[in-house]
N, C-alpha and C. Protein backbone atom coordinates (compact mmCIF):
# COMPACT_ATOMS: atom_id res chain seq x y z
N MET A 1 40.33 72.11 171.95
CA MET A 1 40.87 71.97 171.40
C MET A 1 40.79 70.92 171.70
N ASP A 2 41.71 69.74 171.20
CA ASP A 2 41.75 68.42 171.10
C ASP A 2 43.37 68.50 171.13
N ARG A 3 43.97 67.32 171.75
CA ARG A 3 45.49 66.90 172.23
C ARG A 3 46.14 67.24 170.81
N ASP A 4 45.88 66.51 170.08
CA ASP A 4 46.17 67.09 169.31
C ASP A 4 46.72 68.50 168.64
N GLN A 5 45.49 69.66 167.91
CA GLN A 5 45.71 70.62 168.20
C GLN A 5 46.67 70.90 168.79
N ARG A 6 46.74 70.83 170.61
CA ARG A 6 47.65 71.50 171.44
C ARG A 6 49.34 71.35 170.70
N ILE A 7 49.32 70.30 170.85
CA ILE A 7 51.02 70.25 170.16
C ILE A 7 50.88 70.41 169.34
N GLU A 8 50.03 70.57 167.70
CA GLU A 8 50.68 71.48 166.66
C GLU A 8 50.77 72.69 167.34
N TYR A 9 50.00 73.04 168.35
CA TYR A 9 50.35 74.75 168.48
C TYR A 9 51.53 75.13 169.36
N LYS A 10 51.82 74.08 170.25
CA LYS A 10 52.91 73.93 170.90
C LYS A 10 54.41 73.80 170.09
N ARG A 11 54.00 73.02 169.25
CA ARG A 11 55.39 72.75 167.77
C ARG A 11 55.42 73.90 167.39
N GLU A 12 54.61 74.74 166.38
CA GLU A 12 54.93 75.86 166.20
C GLU A 12 55.89 76.76 166.84
N LYS A 13 55.14 77.29 168.08
CA LYS A 13 55.56 78.09 169.44
C LYS A 13 57.93 77.48 169.27
N VAL A 14 57.43 76.99 169.54
CA VAL A 14 58.95 75.81 170.04
C VAL A 14 59.65 76.20 169.04
N GLU A 15 59.54 75.71 167.95
CA GLU A 15 60.06 75.42 166.57
C GLU A 15 60.27 76.83 165.95
N LYS A 16 59.43 77.62 165.73
CA LYS A 16 59.76 79.41 165.36
C LYS A 16 60.42 80.04 166.57
N TYR A 17 60.52 79.96 167.74
CA TYR A 17 61.42 80.09 168.93
C TYR A 17 63.03 79.45 168.41
N LEU A 18 63.49 77.94 168.58
CA LEU A 18 64.49 77.63 168.58
C LEU A 18 65.32 78.57 167.02
N VAL A 19 64.40 78.80 166.12
CA VAL A 19 65.43 79.46 164.73
C VAL A 19 65.37 80.22 164.88
N LYS A 20 64.41 81.06 165.34
CA LYS A 20 64.75 82.63 166.22
C LYS A 20 66.03 82.92 166.25
N PHE A 21 66.68 81.98 167.59
CA PHE A 21 67.38 82.30 168.56
C PHE A 21 68.02 81.45 168.50
N LYS A 22 68.16 80.47 167.62
CA LYS A 22 69.06 79.45 167.66
C LYS A 22 70.91 79.96 167.99
N ASP A 23 71.14 81.53 167.68
CA ASP A 23 72.40 81.26 167.59
C ASP A 23 72.41 82.31 169.49
N ARG A 24 71.69 82.63 169.76
CA ARG A 24 72.16 83.04 170.58
C ARG A 24 71.73 82.04 172.23
N LEU A 25 70.64 80.83 171.79
CA LEU A 25 70.45 79.93 172.79
C LEU A 25 71.70 78.68 172.97
N ARG A 26 72.05 78.47 174.47
CA ARG A 26 73.13 77.07 174.25
C ARG A 26 72.23 76.35 174.69
N LEU A 27 72.63 75.50 173.22
CA LEU A 27 71.87 74.40 172.79
C LEU A 27 72.11 72.98 173.01
N ARG A 28 73.62 72.77 173.89
CA ARG A 28 73.68 71.68 174.08
C ARG A 28 73.63 71.58 175.61
N ARG A 29 73.73 72.71 176.85
CA ARG A 29 72.46 73.04 177.91
C ARG A 29 71.75 72.45 177.24
N ILE A 30 70.69 73.63 176.59
CA ILE A 30 69.11 73.10 176.70
C ILE A 30 69.54 71.72 176.57
N GLU A 31 69.74 70.08 176.24
CA GLU A 31 69.35 69.20 175.76
C GLU A 31 69.42 68.45 176.80
N SER A 32 71.54 68.98 178.00
CA SER A 32 71.65 68.42 178.73
C SER A 32 70.92 67.96 179.66
N GLU A 33 70.07 69.49 179.97
CA GLU A 33 69.06 69.09 181.11
C GLU A 33 67.87 68.71 180.88
N LEU A 34 67.42 68.84 179.15
CA LEU A 34 66.46 67.42 179.52
C LEU A 34 66.44 66.51 179.30
N SER A 35 67.75 66.25 179.24
CA SER A 35 68.61 64.60 179.08
C SER A 35 68.00 64.53 177.54
N PHE A 36 68.25 65.50 176.24
CA PHE A 36 67.98 65.16 175.24
C PHE A 36 69.38 64.13 174.95
N PRO A 37 69.57 63.23 173.67
CA PRO A 37 70.88 63.15 172.82
C PRO A 37 71.11 64.12 172.26
N ILE A 38 72.56 64.42 172.15
CA ILE A 38 73.56 65.73 171.87
C ILE A 38 73.12 65.96 171.04
N GLY A 39 73.29 67.24 170.12
CA GLY A 39 72.90 67.53 168.63
C GLY A 39 71.56 67.59 168.38
N THR A 40 70.05 66.99 168.66
CA THR A 40 69.06 66.98 168.37
C THR A 40 68.33 68.11 168.48
N ILE A 41 68.96 69.53 168.57
CA ILE A 41 68.22 70.90 168.93
C ILE A 41 69.07 70.89 167.68
N GLN A 42 69.88 70.76 167.49
CA GLN A 42 70.82 71.74 166.21
C GLN A 42 70.68 70.53 164.99
N LYS A 43 70.37 69.42 165.42
CA LYS A 43 69.54 68.74 163.96
C LYS A 43 68.44 69.27 163.19
N PHE A 44 67.53 69.60 164.22
CA PHE A 44 66.06 70.19 163.94
C PHE A 44 66.75 72.44 163.47
N THR A 45 67.95 72.74 164.34
CA THR A 45 67.67 73.80 163.35
C THR A 45 69.04 74.40 162.17
N LYS A 46 69.58 73.14 161.88
CA LYS A 46 70.54 72.57 160.80
C LYS A 46 70.30 72.48 159.95
N LYS A 47 69.45 71.12 160.18
CA LYS A 47 69.51 70.00 159.07
C LYS A 47 67.83 69.88 159.14
N GLY A 48 66.68 71.14 159.72
CA GLY A 48 65.61 70.53 159.19
C GLY A 48 64.72 69.65 160.10
N ARG A 49 65.68 68.73 160.80
CA ARG A 49 64.70 66.68 161.18
C ARG A 49 63.72 66.85 162.41
N ILE A 50 62.80 66.65 161.94
CA ILE A 50 61.97 66.88 163.09
C ILE A 50 62.05 66.02 164.53
N ILE A 51 62.17 67.31 165.44
CA ILE A 51 61.62 66.30 166.73
C ILE A 51 60.52 65.95 167.40
N ASP A 52 60.86 64.84 168.08
CA ASP A 52 59.46 64.07 168.61
C ASP A 52 58.56 64.78 169.73
N ASP A 53 57.20 64.38 169.00
CA ASP A 53 56.52 65.03 170.42
C ASP A 53 56.48 65.19 172.23
N LYS A 54 57.30 64.25 171.88
CA LYS A 54 57.75 64.33 173.92
C LYS A 54 58.62 65.15 173.90
N ARG A 55 59.29 65.55 173.26
CA ARG A 55 60.33 66.01 173.07
C ARG A 55 59.64 67.74 172.72
N ILE A 56 59.20 67.62 171.89
CA ILE A 56 58.72 69.69 171.68
C ILE A 56 57.62 69.75 172.84
N LEU A 57 57.46 69.05 173.75
CA LEU A 57 56.16 69.32 175.40
C LEU A 57 57.23 69.12 176.19
N LEU A 58 58.25 68.91 175.49
CA LEU A 58 59.25 68.74 177.32
C LEU A 58 60.30 70.68 176.67
N LEU A 59 60.66 70.61 175.56
CA LEU A 59 60.95 72.06 175.08
C LEU A 59 59.96 73.30 175.45
N TYR A 60 58.64 73.04 174.78
CA TYR A 60 57.94 73.84 175.62
C TYR A 60 57.68 74.30 177.42
N SER A 61 57.51 73.16 177.77
CA SER A 61 57.62 73.73 179.44
C SER A 61 58.43 74.33 179.45
N TYR A 62 60.10 74.01 178.98
CA TYR A 62 61.48 74.48 179.45
C TYR A 62 61.91 75.87 179.33
N LEU A 63 61.26 75.98 178.21
CA LEU A 63 61.02 77.01 177.30
C LEU A 63 59.95 78.07 178.18
N LYS A 64 58.94 78.09 178.46
CA LYS A 64 57.99 78.84 179.28
C LYS A 64 58.23 78.85 180.76
N LYS A 65 59.30 78.02 181.60
CA LYS A 65 59.22 78.20 182.96
C LYS A 65 60.44 78.83 182.73
N MET A 66 61.01 78.79 181.79
CA MET A 66 62.33 80.67 181.35
C MET A 66 62.60 81.32 180.57
N LYS A 67 60.60 81.42 181.28
CA LYS A 67 60.06 82.62 180.08
C LYS A 67 60.79 83.36 179.17
N LEU A 68 61.00 82.01 177.90
CA LEU A 68 61.92 83.24 176.97
C LEU A 68 60.49 82.91 175.73
């Protein structure tokens, strides 16, 4: 698996998880802990805005660490 395939795999996992559990997650807390601009995750879940690769990788690591 090359780098692009790994990123796409992680993007798919993160995006599905965020959409599925958006009502149960504290999005602002996650944004704060990862130093994301406020509303980054919310804009993805409500408006379909794309999250860049760098932030997807951070979210993947964070969610994996939290065992979610």
